[in-house]
Amino acid sequence: SYIYDIKGRLLASIHGEANREVVPLDRISPDLKRAVMAIEDSHFY
């Protein structure tokens, strides 16, 4: 979770064990998707 001031300036982030911000697949670089599958699971599809 992210906390901002009244003008939208980031003040802090709050998280438990996992510091995470979820994004949809179409907002992830194609280069990163290829790189991950190449080294982790090239036959994924």
PDB file of all heavy atoms in Angstrom:
ATOM      1  N   SER A   1       0.851  -1.193   0.000  1.00  0.00           N
ATOM      2  CA  SER A   1       0.000   0.000   0.000  1.00  0.00           C
ATOM      3  C   SER A   1       0.885   1.242   0.000  1.00  0.00           C
ATOM      4  O   SER A   1       1.942   1.262   0.640  1.00  0.00           O
ATOM      5  CB  SER A   1      -0.902   0.016   1.238  1.00  0.00           C
ATOM      6  OG  SER A   1      -1.841  -1.042   1.191  1.00  0.00           O
ATOM      7  N   TYR A   2       0.457   2.266  -0.735  1.00  0.00           N
ATOM      8  CA  TYR A   2       1.245   3.493  -0.876  1.00  0.00           C
ATOM      9  C   TYR A   2       0.485   4.677  -0.278  1.00  0.00           C
ATOM     10  O   TYR A   2      -0.720   4.812  -0.479  1.00  0.00           O
ATOM     11  CB  TYR A   2       1.561   3.758  -2.345  1.00  0.00           C
ATOM     12  CG  TYR A   2       2.451   2.695  -2.953  1.00  0.00           C
ATOM     13  CD1 TYR A   2       1.901   1.593  -3.605  1.00  0.00           C
ATOM     14  CD2 TYR A   2       3.837   2.784  -2.845  1.00  0.00           C
ATOM     15  CE1 TYR A   2       2.704   0.602  -4.140  1.00  0.00           C
ATOM     16  CE2 TYR A   2       4.648   1.802  -3.382  1.00  0.00           C
ATOM     17  CZ  TYR A   2       4.087   0.722  -4.030  1.00  0.00           C
ATOM     18  OH  TYR A   2       4.887  -0.264  -4.551  1.00  0.00           O
ATOM     19  N   ILE A   3       1.219   5.506   0.456  1.00  0.00           N
ATOM     20  CA  ILE A   3       0.630   6.662   1.120  1.00  0.00           C
ATOM     21  C   ILE A   3       1.208   7.937   0.513  1.00  0.00           C
ATOM     22  O   ILE A   3       2.436   8.086   0.406  1.00  0.00           O
ATOM     23  CB  ILE A   3       0.884   6.612   2.638  1.00  0.00           C
ATOM     24  CG1 ILE A   3       0.215   5.371   3.237  1.00  0.00           C
ATOM     25  CG2 ILE A   3       0.371   7.868   3.317  1.00  0.00           C
ATOM     26  CD1 ILE A   3       0.409   5.236   4.724  1.00  0.00           C
ATOM     27  N   TYR A   4       0.318   8.850   0.119  1.00  0.00           N
ATOM     28  CA  TYR A   4       0.714  10.088  -0.549  1.00  0.00           C
ATOM     29  C   TYR A   4       0.227  11.294   0.259  1.00  0.00           C
ATOM     30  O   TYR A   4      -0.704  11.185   1.063  1.00  0.00           O
ATOM     31  CB  TYR A   4       0.098  10.157  -1.951  1.00  0.00           C
ATOM     32  CG  TYR A   4       0.440   8.982  -2.830  1.00  0.00           C
ATOM     33  CD1 TYR A   4      -0.345   7.833  -2.814  1.00  0.00           C
ATOM     34  CD2 TYR A   4       1.554   9.020  -3.675  1.00  0.00           C
ATOM     35  CE1 TYR A   4      -0.033   6.742  -3.613  1.00  0.00           C
ATOM     36  CE2 TYR A   4       1.863   7.935  -4.482  1.00  0.00           C
ATOM     37  CZ  TYR A   4       1.073   6.803  -4.448  1.00  0.00           C
ATOM     38  OH  TYR A   4       1.387   5.717  -5.237  1.00  0.00           O
ATOM     39  N   ASP A   5       0.844  12.452   0.011  1.00  0.00           N
ATOM     40  CA  ASP A   5       0.328  13.662   0.634  1.00  0.00           C
ATOM     41  C   ASP A   5      -0.839  14.184  -0.200  1.00  0.00           C
ATOM     42  O   ASP A   5      -1.220  13.590  -1.212  1.00  0.00           O
ATOM     43  CB  ASP A   5       1.438  14.700   0.835  1.00  0.00           C
ATOM     44  CG  ASP A   5       1.691  15.584  -0.376  1.00  0.00           C
ATOM     45  OD1 ASP A   5       1.377  15.179  -1.515  1.00  0.00           O
ATOM     46  OD2 ASP A   5       2.216  16.702  -0.194  1.00  0.00           O
ATOM     47  N   ILE A   6      -1.420  15.308   0.192  1.00  0.00           N
ATOM     48  CA  ILE A   6      -2.630  15.802  -0.466  1.00  0.00           C
ATOM     49  C   ILE A   6      -2.371  16.223  -1.909  1.00  0.00           C
ATOM     50  O   ILE A   6      -3.287  16.265  -2.728  1.00  0.00           O
ATOM     51  CB  ILE A   6      -3.246  16.957   0.349  1.00  0.00           C
ATOM     52  CG1 ILE A   6      -4.708  17.190  -0.063  1.00  0.00           C
ATOM     53  CG2 ILE A   6      -2.401  18.223   0.219  1.00  0.00           C
ATOM     54  CD1 ILE A   6      -5.487  18.039   0.891  1.00  0.00           C
ATOM     55  N   LYS A   7      -1.100  16.472  -2.251  1.00  0.00           N
ATOM     56  CA  LYS A   7      -0.747  16.853  -3.616  1.00  0.00           C
ATOM     57  C   LYS A   7      -0.224  15.691  -4.443  1.00  0.00           C
ATOM     58  O   LYS A   7       0.273  15.890  -5.553  1.00  0.00           O
ATOM     59  CB  LYS A   7       0.287  17.984  -3.577  1.00  0.00           C
ATOM     60  CG  LYS A   7      -0.246  19.274  -2.948  1.00  0.00           C
ATOM     61  CD  LYS A   7       0.822  20.355  -2.906  1.00  0.00           C
ATOM     62  CE  LYS A   7       0.280  21.635  -2.265  1.00  0.00           C
ATOM     63  NZ  LYS A   7       1.325  22.681  -2.158  1.00  0.00           N
ATOM     64  N   GLY A   8      -0.321  14.474  -3.903  1.00  0.00           N
ATOM     65  CA  GLY A   8       0.079  13.293  -4.654  1.00  0.00           C
ATOM     66  C   GLY A   8       1.534  12.918  -4.530  1.00  0.00           C
ATOM     67  O   GLY A   8       2.022  12.048  -5.266  1.00  0.00           O
ATOM     68  N   ARG A   9       2.263  13.509  -3.597  1.00  0.00           N
ATOM     69  CA  ARG A   9       3.672  13.172  -3.406  1.00  0.00           C
ATOM     70  C   ARG A   9       3.793  11.964  -2.472  1.00  0.00           C
ATOM     71  O   ARG A   9       3.190  11.935  -1.404  1.00  0.00           O
ATOM     72  CB  ARG A   9       4.425  14.374  -2.839  1.00  0.00           C
ATOM     73  CG  ARG A   9       4.520  15.534  -3.823  1.00  0.00           C
ATOM     74  CD  ARG A   9       5.067  16.799  -3.192  1.00  0.00           C
ATOM     75  NE  ARG A   9       4.098  17.422  -2.303  1.00  0.00           N
ATOM     76  CZ  ARG A   9       4.208  18.656  -1.826  1.00  0.00           C
ATOM     77  NH1 ARG A   9       5.258  19.389  -2.164  1.00  0.00           N
ATOM     78  NH2 ARG A   9       3.294  19.167  -1.022  1.00  0.00           N
ATOM     79  N   LEU A  10       4.588  10.959  -2.887  1.00  0.00           N
ATOM     80  CA  LEU A  10       4.712   9.719  -2.121  1.00  0.00           C
ATOM     81  C   LEU A  10       5.381   9.983  -0.778  1.00  0.00           C
ATOM     82  O   LEU A  10       6.457  10.578  -0.710  1.00  0.00           O
ATOM     83  CB  LEU A  10       5.523   8.687  -2.906  1.00  0.00           C
ATOM     84  CG  LEU A  10       5.698   7.317  -2.232  1.00  0.00           C
ATOM     85  CD1 LEU A  10       4.348   6.613  -2.085  1.00  0.00           C
ATOM     86  CD2 LEU A  10       6.662   6.448  -3.042  1.00  0.00           C
ATOM     87  N   LEU A  11       4.738   9.523   0.289  1.00  0.00           N
ATOM     88  CA  LEU A  11       5.289   9.657   1.636  1.00  0.00           C
ATOM     89  C   LEU A  11       5.878   8.352   2.135  1.00  0.00           C
ATOM     90  O   LEU A  11       6.911   8.343   2.799  1.00  0.00           O
ATOM     91  CB  LEU A  11       4.202  10.122   2.613  1.00  0.00           C
ATOM     92  CG  LEU A  11       3.550  11.478   2.344  1.00  0.00           C
ATOM     93  CD1 LEU A  11       2.508  11.775   3.420  1.00  0.00           C
ATOM     94  CD2 LEU A  11       4.591  12.586   2.299  1.00  0.00           C
ATOM     95  N   ALA A  12       5.213   7.227   1.833  1.00  0.00           N
ATOM     96  CA  ALA A  12       5.673   5.957   2.380  1.00  0.00           C
ATOM     97  C   ALA A  12       4.968   4.810   1.680  1.00  0.00           C
ATOM     98  O   ALA A  12       3.955   4.982   1.005  1.00  0.00           O
ATOM     99  CB  ALA A  12       5.393   5.888   3.887  1.00  0.00           C
ATOM    100  N   SER A  13       5.534   3.621   1.855  1.00  0.00           N
ATOM    101  CA  SER A  13       4.881   2.392   1.423  1.00  0.00           C
ATOM    102  C   SER A  13       4.747   1.485   2.637  1.00  0.00           C
ATOM    103  O   SER A  13       5.603   1.477   3.515  1.00  0.00           O
ATOM    104  CB  SER A  13       5.690   1.697   0.323  1.00  0.00           C
ATOM    105  OG  SER A  13       7.006   1.408   0.768  1.00  0.00           O
ATOM    106  N   ILE A  14       3.646   0.753   2.681  1.00  0.00           N
ATOM    107  CA  ILE A  14       3.368  -0.134   3.818  1.00  0.00           C
ATOM    108  C   ILE A  14       3.134  -1.533   3.277  1.00  0.00           C
ATOM    109  O   ILE A  14       2.323  -1.731   2.368  1.00  0.00           O
ATOM    110  CB  ILE A  14       2.117   0.323   4.596  1.00  0.00           C
ATOM    111  CG1 ILE A  14       2.316   1.738   5.149  1.00  0.00           C
ATOM    112  CG2 ILE A  14       1.806  -0.637   5.726  1.00  0.00           C
ATOM    113  CD1 ILE A  14       1.098   2.271   5.863  1.00  0.00           C
ATOM    114  N   HIS A  15       3.832  -2.488   3.817  1.00  0.00           N
ATOM    115  CA  HIS A  15       3.625  -3.868   3.383  1.00  0.00           C
ATOM    116  C   HIS A  15       4.008  -4.827   4.489  1.00  0.00           C
ATOM    117  O   HIS A  15       4.735  -4.482   5.421  1.00  0.00           O
ATOM    118  CB  HIS A  15       4.436  -4.169   2.118  1.00  0.00           C
ATOM    119  CG  HIS A  15       5.911  -3.890   2.261  1.00  0.00           C
ATOM    120  ND1 HIS A  15       6.780  -4.761   2.861  1.00  0.00           N
ATOM    121  CD2 HIS A  15       6.655  -2.823   1.891  1.00  0.00           C
ATOM    122  CE1 HIS A  15       8.004  -4.258   2.840  1.00  0.00           C
ATOM    123  NE2 HIS A  15       7.952  -3.072   2.265  1.00  0.00           N
ATOM    124  N   GLY A  16       3.504  -6.042   4.367  1.00  0.00           N
ATOM    125  CA  GLY A  16       3.892  -7.092   5.289  1.00  0.00           C
ATOM    126  C   GLY A  16       5.177  -7.721   4.800  1.00  0.00           C
ATOM    127  O   GLY A  16       6.152  -7.044   4.467  1.00  0.00           O
ATOM    128  N   GLU A  17       5.194  -9.018   4.680  1.00  0.00           N
ATOM    129  CA  GLU A  17       6.390  -9.700   4.193  1.00  0.00           C
ATOM    130  C   GLU A  17       6.650  -9.358   2.741  1.00  0.00           C
ATOM    131  O   GLU A  17       7.786  -9.221   2.299  1.00  0.00           O
ATOM    132  CB  GLU A  17       6.214 -11.217   4.343  1.00  0.00           C
ATOM    133  CG  GLU A  17       7.395 -12.015   3.822  1.00  0.00           C
ATOM    134  CD  GLU A  17       7.164 -13.498   3.858  1.00  0.00           C
ATOM    135  OE1 GLU A  17       6.111 -13.915   4.372  1.00  0.00           O
ATOM    136  OE2 GLU A  17       8.022 -14.231   3.363  1.00  0.00           O
ATOM    137  N   ALA A  18       5.571  -9.233   1.942  1.00  0.00           N
ATOM    138  CA  ALA A  18       5.712  -9.060   0.503  1.00  0.00           C
ATOM    139  C   ALA A  18       5.547  -7.603   0.092  1.00  0.00           C
ATOM    140  O   ALA A  18       4.482  -7.030   0.253  1.00  0.00           O
ATOM    141  CB  ALA A  18       4.686  -9.927  -0.229  1.00  0.00           C
ATOM    142  N   ASN A  19       6.638  -7.018  -0.424  1.00  0.00           N
ATOM    143  CA  ASN A  19       6.590  -5.681  -0.986  1.00  0.00           C
ATOM    144  C   ASN A  19       6.271  -5.834  -2.469  1.00  0.00           C
ATOM    145  O   ASN A  19       7.142  -6.155  -3.271  1.00  0.00           O
ATOM    146  CB  ASN A  19       7.940  -4.991  -0.782  1.00  0.00           C
ATOM    147  CG  ASN A  19       7.968  -3.590  -1.349  1.00  0.00           C
ATOM    148  OD1 ASN A  19       6.944  -2.906  -1.373  1.00  0.00           O
ATOM    149  ND2 ASN A  19       9.124  -3.156  -1.813  1.00  0.00           N
ATOM    150  N   ARG A  20       5.008  -5.592  -2.847  1.00  0.00           N
ATOM    151  CA  ARG A  20       4.567  -5.944  -4.199  1.00  0.00           C
ATOM    152  C   ARG A  20       3.572  -4.931  -4.740  1.00  0.00           C
ATOM    153  O   ARG A  20       2.733  -4.411  -4.009  1.00  0.00           O
ATOM    154  CB  ARG A  20       3.906  -7.333  -4.178  1.00  0.00           C
ATOM    155  CG  ARG A  20       3.348  -7.780  -5.519  1.00  0.00           C
ATOM    156  CD  ARG A  20       2.551  -9.078  -5.426  1.00  0.00           C
ATOM    157  NE  ARG A  20       3.400 -10.223  -5.182  1.00  0.00           N
ATOM    158  CZ  ARG A  20       3.395 -10.944  -4.064  1.00  0.00           C
ATOM    159  NH1 ARG A  20       2.586 -10.613  -3.071  1.00  0.00           N
ATOM    160  NH2 ARG A  20       4.189 -11.981  -3.908  1.00  0.00           N
ATOM    161  N   GLU A  21       3.688  -4.678  -6.049  1.00  0.00           N
ATOM    162  CA  GLU A  21       2.690  -3.904  -6.784  1.00  0.00           C
ATOM    163  C   GLU A  21       2.295  -4.723  -8.002  1.00  0.00           C
ATOM    164  O   GLU A  21       3.136  -5.021  -8.852  1.00  0.00           O
ATOM    165  CB  GLU A  21       3.250  -2.551  -7.215  1.00  0.00           C
ATOM    166  CG  GLU A  21       2.258  -1.692  -7.976  1.00  0.00           C
ATOM    167  CD  GLU A  21       2.820  -0.349  -8.394  1.00  0.00           C
ATOM    168  OE1 GLU A  21       3.911   0.013  -7.891  1.00  0.00           O
ATOM    169  OE2 GLU A  21       2.194   0.330  -9.214  1.00  0.00           O
ATOM    170  N   VAL A  22       1.040  -5.121  -8.099  1.00  0.00           N
ATOM    171  CA  VAL A  22       0.576  -5.994  -9.171  1.00  0.00           C
ATOM    172  C   VAL A  22       0.308  -5.188 -10.444  1.00  0.00           C
ATOM    173  O   VAL A  22      -0.281  -4.113 -10.389  1.00  0.00           O
ATOM    174  CB  VAL A  22      -0.698  -6.751  -8.736  1.00  0.00           C
ATOM    175  CG1 VAL A  22      -1.300  -7.534  -9.898  1.00  0.00           C
ATOM    176  CG2 VAL A  22      -0.367  -7.693  -7.585  1.00  0.00           C
ATOM    177  N   VAL A  23       0.771  -5.734 -11.581  1.00  0.00           N
ATOM    178  CA  VAL A  23       0.510  -5.106 -12.877  1.00  0.00           C
ATOM    179  C   VAL A  23       0.007  -6.167 -13.854  1.00  0.00           C
ATOM    180  O   VAL A  23       0.380  -7.335 -13.757  1.00  0.00           O
ATOM    181  CB  VAL A  23       1.772  -4.435 -13.456  1.00  0.00           C
ATOM    182  CG1 VAL A  23       2.137  -3.199 -12.680  1.00  0.00           C
ATOM    183  CG2 VAL A  23       2.939  -5.414 -13.509  1.00  0.00           C
ATOM    184  N   PRO A  24      -0.852  -5.793 -14.806  1.00  0.00           N
ATOM    185  CA  PRO A  24      -1.328  -6.768 -15.799  1.00  0.00           C
ATOM    186  C   PRO A  24      -0.227  -7.139 -16.783  1.00  0.00           C
ATOM    187  O   PRO A  24       0.766  -6.422 -16.941  1.00  0.00           O
ATOM    188  CB  PRO A  24      -2.476  -6.031 -16.491  1.00  0.00           C
ATOM    189  CG  PRO A  24      -2.189  -4.590 -16.280  1.00  0.00           C
ATOM    190  CD  PRO A  24      -1.493  -4.486 -14.953  1.00  0.00           C
ATOM    191  N   LEU A  25      -0.416  -8.250 -17.465  1.00  0.00           N
ATOM    192  CA  LEU A  25       0.597  -8.784 -18.366  1.00  0.00           C
ATOM    193  C   LEU A  25       0.948  -7.805 -19.481  1.00  0.00           C
ATOM    194  O   LEU A  25       2.105  -7.722 -19.909  1.00  0.00           O
ATOM    195  CB  LEU A  25       0.109 -10.118 -18.957  1.00  0.00           C
ATOM    196  CG  LEU A  25       1.161 -10.992 -19.638  1.00  0.00           C
ATOM    197  CD1 LEU A  25       2.217 -11.440 -18.642  1.00  0.00           C
ATOM    198  CD2 LEU A  25       0.504 -12.211 -20.294  1.00  0.00           C
ATOM    199  N   ASP A  26      -0.034  -7.055 -19.968  1.00  0.00           N
ATOM    200  CA  ASP A  26       0.236  -6.144 -21.072  1.00  0.00           C
ATOM    201  C   ASP A  26       1.003  -4.893 -20.636  1.00  0.00           C
ATOM    202  O   ASP A  26       1.346  -4.053 -21.468  1.00  0.00           O
ATOM    203  CB  ASP A  26      -1.054  -5.754 -21.803  1.00  0.00           C
ATOM    204  CG  ASP A  26      -2.068  -5.056 -20.902  1.00  0.00           C
ATOM    205  OD1 ASP A  26      -1.725  -4.732 -19.745  1.00  0.00           O
ATOM    206  OD2 ASP A  26      -3.214  -4.845 -21.342  1.00  0.00           O
ATOM    207  N   ARG A  27       1.271  -4.763 -19.332  1.00  0.00           N
ATOM    208  CA  ARG A  27       2.106  -3.668 -18.840  1.00  0.00           C
ATOM    209  C   ARG A  27       3.458  -4.180 -18.353  1.00  0.00           C
ATOM    210  O   ARG A  27       4.124  -3.572 -17.524  1.00  0.00           O
ATOM    211  CB  ARG A  27       1.387  -2.907 -17.722  1.00  0.00           C
ATOM    212  CG  ARG A  27       0.262  -2.012 -18.239  1.00  0.00           C
ATOM    213  CD  ARG A  27      -0.529  -1.400 -17.106  1.00  0.00           C
ATOM    214  NE  ARG A  27       0.327  -0.754 -16.100  1.00  0.00           N
ATOM    215  CZ  ARG A  27      -0.078  -0.446 -14.872  1.00  0.00           C
ATOM    216  NH1 ARG A  27      -1.321  -0.742 -14.496  1.00  0.00           N
ATOM    217  NH2 ARG A  27       0.733   0.138 -14.023  1.00  0.00           N
ATOM    218  N   ILE A  28       3.880  -5.317 -18.909  1.00  0.00           N
ATOM    219  CA  ILE A  28       5.191  -5.890 -18.614  1.00  0.00           C
ATOM    220  C   ILE A  28       5.961  -5.977 -19.925  1.00  0.00           C
ATOM    221  O   ILE A  28       5.426  -6.431 -20.941  1.00  0.00           O
ATOM    222  CB  ILE A  28       5.060  -7.275 -17.964  1.00  0.00           C
ATOM    223  CG1 ILE A  28       4.322  -7.169 -16.621  1.00  0.00           C
ATOM    224  CG2 ILE A  28       6.437  -7.911 -17.747  1.00  0.00           C
ATOM    225  CD1 ILE A  28       4.023  -8.491 -15.971  1.00  0.00           C
ATOM    226  N   SER A  29       7.196  -5.547 -19.912  1.00  0.00           N
ATOM    227  CA  SER A  29       8.013  -5.513 -21.116  1.00  0.00           C
ATOM    228  C   SER A  29       8.057  -6.874 -21.823  1.00  0.00           C
ATOM    229  O   SER A  29       8.321  -7.904 -21.180  1.00  0.00           O
ATOM    230  CB  SER A  29       9.446  -5.096 -20.750  1.00  0.00           C
ATOM    231  OG  SER A  29      10.347  -5.378 -21.792  1.00  0.00           O
ATOM    232  N   PRO A  30       7.822  -6.925 -23.138  1.00  0.00           N
ATOM    233  CA  PRO A  30       7.966  -8.185 -23.883  1.00  0.00           C
ATOM    234  C   PRO A  30       9.360  -8.782 -23.741  1.00  0.00           C
ATOM    235  O   PRO A  30       9.511 -10.010 -23.708  1.00  0.00           O
ATOM    236  CB  PRO A  30       7.681  -7.764 -25.336  1.00  0.00           C
ATOM    237  CG  PRO A  30       6.839  -6.539 -25.216  1.00  0.00           C
ATOM    238  CD  PRO A  30       7.340  -5.822 -23.998  1.00  0.00           C
ATOM    239  N   ASP A  31      10.384  -7.933 -23.636  1.00  0.00           N
ATOM    240  CA  ASP A  31      11.746  -8.429 -23.443  1.00  0.00           C
ATOM    241  C   ASP A  31      11.859  -9.222 -22.145  1.00  0.00           C
ATOM    242  O   ASP A  31      12.549 -10.250 -22.088  1.00  0.00           O
ATOM    243  CB  ASP A  31      12.734  -7.266 -23.410  1.00  0.00           C
ATOM    244  CG  ASP A  31      13.011  -6.685 -24.790  1.00  0.00           C
ATOM    245  OD1 ASP A  31      12.907  -7.444 -25.774  1.00  0.00           O
ATOM    246  OD2 ASP A  31      13.319  -5.487 -24.875  1.00  0.00           O
ATOM    247  N   LEU A  32      11.194  -8.728 -21.084  1.00  0.00           N
ATOM    248  CA  LEU A  32      11.267  -9.439 -19.812  1.00  0.00           C
ATOM    249  C   LEU A  32      10.521 -10.762 -19.886  1.00  0.00           C
ATOM    250  O   LEU A  32      10.995 -11.782 -19.381  1.00  0.00           O
ATOM    251  CB  LEU A  32      10.695  -8.574 -18.684  1.00  0.00           C
ATOM    252  CG  LEU A  32      10.768  -9.246 -17.306  1.00  0.00           C
ATOM    253  CD1 LEU A  32      12.213  -9.380 -16.863  1.00  0.00           C
ATOM    254  CD2 LEU A  32       9.982  -8.477 -16.270  1.00  0.00           C
ATOM    255  N   LYS A  33       9.357 -10.776 -20.524  1.00  0.00           N
ATOM    256  CA  LYS A  33       8.610 -12.036 -20.656  1.00  0.00           C
ATOM    257  C   LYS A  33       9.433 -13.075 -21.408  1.00  0.00           C
ATOM    258  O   LYS A  33       9.494 -14.239 -21.012  1.00  0.00           O
ATOM    259  CB  LYS A  33       7.269 -11.774 -21.338  1.00  0.00           C
ATOM    260  CG  LYS A  33       6.278 -11.010 -20.467  1.00  0.00           C
ATOM    261  CD  LYS A  33       4.944 -10.779 -21.144  1.00  0.00           C
ATOM    262  CE  LYS A  33       4.964  -9.584 -22.044  1.00  0.00           C
ATOM    263  NZ  LYS A  33       3.618  -9.166 -22.500  1.00  0.00           N
ATOM    264  N   ARG A  34      10.077 -12.658 -22.504  1.00  0.00           N
ATOM    265  CA  ARG A  34      10.917 -13.592 -23.263  1.00  0.00           C
ATOM    266  C   ARG A  34      12.096 -14.076 -22.432  1.00  0.00           C
ATOM    267  O   ARG A  34      12.432 -15.258 -22.431  1.00  0.00           O
ATOM    268  CB  ARG A  34      11.440 -12.903 -24.529  1.00  0.00           C
ATOM    269  CG  ARG A  34      10.390 -12.506 -25.539  1.00  0.00           C
ATOM    270  CD  ARG A  34      11.052 -11.973 -26.803  1.00  0.00           C
ATOM    271  NE  ARG A  34      10.083 -11.432 -27.730  1.00  0.00           N
ATOM    272  CZ  ARG A  34       9.818 -10.160 -27.918  1.00  0.00           C
ATOM    273  NH1 ARG A  34      10.460  -9.252 -27.196  1.00  0.00           N
ATOM    274  NH2 ARG A  34       8.923  -9.771 -28.803  1.00  0.00           N
ATOM    275  N   ALA A  35      12.735 -13.131 -21.718  1.00  0.00           N
ATOM    276  CA  ALA A  35      13.917 -13.487 -20.931  1.00  0.00           C
ATOM    277  C   ALA A  35      13.582 -14.478 -19.831  1.00  0.00           C
ATOM    278  O   ALA A  35      14.317 -15.441 -19.595  1.00  0.00           O
ATOM    279  CB  ALA A  35      14.539 -12.221 -20.336  1.00  0.00           C
ATOM    280  N   VAL A  36      12.471 -14.252 -19.156  1.00  0.00           N
ATOM    281  CA  VAL A  36      12.071 -15.157 -18.073  1.00  0.00           C
ATOM    282  C   VAL A  36      11.775 -16.541 -18.614  1.00  0.00           C
ATOM    283  O   VAL A  36      12.225 -17.566 -18.063  1.00  0.00           O
ATOM    284  CB  VAL A  36      10.851 -14.585 -17.316  1.00  0.00           C
ATOM    285  CG1 VAL A  36      10.259 -15.648 -16.385  1.00  0.00           C
ATOM    286  CG2 VAL A  36      11.250 -13.358 -16.517  1.00  0.00           C
ATOM    287  N   MET A  37      11.025 -16.622 -19.702  1.00  0.00           N
ATOM    288  CA  MET A  37      10.710 -17.939 -20.258  1.00  0.00           C
ATOM    289  C   MET A  37      11.948 -18.625 -20.817  1.00  0.00           C
ATOM    290  O   MET A  37      12.104 -19.842 -20.705  1.00  0.00           O
ATOM    291  CB  MET A  37       9.628 -17.807 -21.323  1.00  0.00           C
ATOM    292  CG  MET A  37       8.248 -17.568 -20.735  1.00  0.00           C
ATOM    293  SD  MET A  37       6.942 -17.635 -21.959  1.00  0.00           S
ATOM    294  CE  MET A  37       7.319 -16.167 -22.888  1.00  0.00           C
ATOM    295  N   ALA A  38      12.864 -17.850 -21.391  1.00  0.00           N
ATOM    296  CA  ALA A  38      14.075 -18.439 -21.953  1.00  0.00           C
ATOM    297  C   ALA A  38      14.880 -19.164 -20.893  1.00  0.00           C
ATOM    298  O   ALA A  38      15.381 -20.274 -21.122  1.00  0.00           O
ATOM    299  CB  ALA A  38      14.916 -17.353 -22.616  1.00  0.00           C
ATOM    300  N   ILE A  39      15.015 -18.570 -19.711  1.00  0.00           N
ATOM    301  CA  ILE A  39      15.876 -19.154 -18.681  1.00  0.00           C
ATOM    302  C   ILE A  39      15.121 -20.058 -17.716  1.00  0.00           C
ATOM    303  O   ILE A  39      15.696 -20.949 -17.094  1.00  0.00           O
ATOM    304  CB  ILE A  39      16.606 -18.036 -17.897  1.00  0.00           C
ATOM    305  CG1 ILE A  39      17.850 -18.594 -17.201  1.00  0.00           C
ATOM    306  CG2 ILE A  39      15.672 -17.344 -16.937  1.00  0.00           C
ATOM    307  CD1 ILE A  39      18.917 -19.078 -18.154  1.00  0.00           C
ATOM    308  N   GLU A  40      13.805 -19.865 -17.613  1.00  0.00           N
ATOM    309  CA  GLU A  40      13.035 -20.636 -16.646  1.00  0.00           C
ATOM    310  C   GLU A  40      12.171 -21.721 -17.281  1.00  0.00           C
ATOM    311  O   GLU A  40      11.963 -22.778 -16.681  1.00  0.00           O
ATOM    312  CB  GLU A  40      12.137 -19.697 -15.819  1.00  0.00           C
ATOM    313  CG  GLU A  40      12.879 -18.735 -14.928  1.00  0.00           C
ATOM    314  CD  GLU A  40      13.657 -19.426 -13.815  1.00  0.00           C
ATOM    315  OE1 GLU A  40      13.170 -20.472 -13.309  1.00  0.00           O
ATOM    316  OE2 GLU A  40      14.748 -18.948 -13.475  1.00  0.00           O
ATOM    317  N   ASP A  41      11.655 -21.483 -18.485  1.00  0.00           N
ATOM    318  CA  ASP A  41      10.700 -22.447 -19.063  1.00  0.00           C
ATOM    319  C   ASP A  41      10.464 -22.106 -20.536  1.00  0.00           C
ATOM    320  O   ASP A  41       9.445 -21.537 -20.902  1.00  0.00           O
ATOM    321  CB  ASP A  41       9.385 -22.377 -18.273  1.00  0.00           C
ATOM    322  CG  ASP A  41       8.391 -23.457 -18.665  1.00  0.00           C
ATOM    323  OD1 ASP A  41       8.703 -24.254 -19.570  1.00  0.00           O
ATOM    324  OD2 ASP A  41       7.298 -23.491 -18.058  1.00  0.00           O
ATOM    325  N   SER A  42      11.413 -22.503 -21.397  1.00  0.00           N
ATOM    326  CA  SER A  42      11.326 -22.103 -22.801  1.00  0.00           C
ATOM    327  C   SER A  42      10.193 -22.799 -23.554  1.00  0.00           C
ATOM    328  O   SER A  42       9.802 -22.362 -24.632  1.00  0.00           O
ATOM    329  CB  SER A  42      12.650 -22.382 -23.513  1.00  0.00           C
ATOM    330  OG  SER A  42      12.990 -23.759 -23.439  1.00  0.00           O
ATOM    331  N   HIS A  43       9.662 -23.895 -23.008  1.00  0.00           N
ATOM    332  CA  HIS A  43       8.542 -24.608 -23.638  1.00  0.00           C
ATOM    333  C   HIS A  43       7.213 -24.284 -22.947  1.00  0.00           C
ATOM    334  O   HIS A  43       6.267 -25.064 -23.039  1.00  0.00           O
ATOM    335  CB  HIS A  43       8.783 -26.123 -23.609  1.00  0.00           C
ATOM    336  CG  HIS A  43       9.926 -26.558 -24.465  1.00  0.00           C
ATOM    337  ND1 HIS A  43       9.901 -26.502 -25.828  1.00  0.00           N
ATOM    338  CD2 HIS A  43      11.152 -27.053 -24.135  1.00  0.00           C
ATOM    339  CE1 HIS A  43      11.048 -26.953 -26.321  1.00  0.00           C
ATOM    340  NE2 HIS A  43      11.830 -27.278 -25.304  1.00  0.00           N
ATOM    341  N   PHE A  44       7.170 -23.129 -22.260  1.00  0.00           N
ATOM    342  CA  PHE A  44       5.996 -22.778 -21.468  1.00  0.00           C
ATOM    343  C   PHE A  44       4.695 -22.907 -22.250  1.00  0.00           C
ATOM    344  O   PHE A  44       3.703 -23.431 -21.737  1.00  0.00           O
ATOM    345  CB  PHE A  44       6.151 -21.344 -20.942  1.00  0.00           C
ATOM    346  CG  PHE A  44       4.936 -20.799 -20.253  1.00  0.00           C
ATOM    347  CD1 PHE A  44       4.546 -21.282 -19.010  1.00  0.00           C
ATOM    348  CD2 PHE A  44       4.171 -19.795 -20.839  1.00  0.00           C
ATOM    349  CE1 PHE A  44       3.424 -20.771 -18.363  1.00  0.00           C
ATOM    350  CE2 PHE A  44       3.049 -19.283 -20.204  1.00  0.00           C
ATOM    351  CZ  PHE A  44       2.676 -19.777 -18.964  1.00  0.00           C
ATOM    352  N   TYR A  45       4.673 -22.449 -23.485  1.00  0.00           N
ATOM    353  CA  TYR A  45       3.427 -22.447 -24.247  1.00  0.00           C
ATOM    354  C   TYR A  45       3.105 -23.800 -24.887  1.00  0.00           C
ATOM    355  O   TYR A  45       2.101 -23.933 -25.575  1.00  0.00           O
ATOM    356  CB  TYR A  45       3.464 -21.349 -25.322  1.00  0.00           C
ATOM    357  CG  TYR A  45       2.966 -20.023 -24.797  1.00  0.00           C
ATOM    358  CD1 TYR A  45       3.826 -19.146 -24.149  1.00  0.00           C
ATOM    359  CD2 TYR A  45       1.628 -19.663 -24.900  1.00  0.00           C
ATOM    360  CE1 TYR A  45       3.369 -17.946 -23.648  1.00  0.00           C
ATOM    361  CE2 TYR A  45       1.161 -18.454 -24.401  1.00  0.00           C
ATOM    362  CZ  TYR A  45       2.032 -17.605 -23.771  1.00  0.00           C
ATOM    363  OH  TYR A  45       1.577 -16.414 -23.260  1.00  0.00           O
TER     364      TYR A  45
END
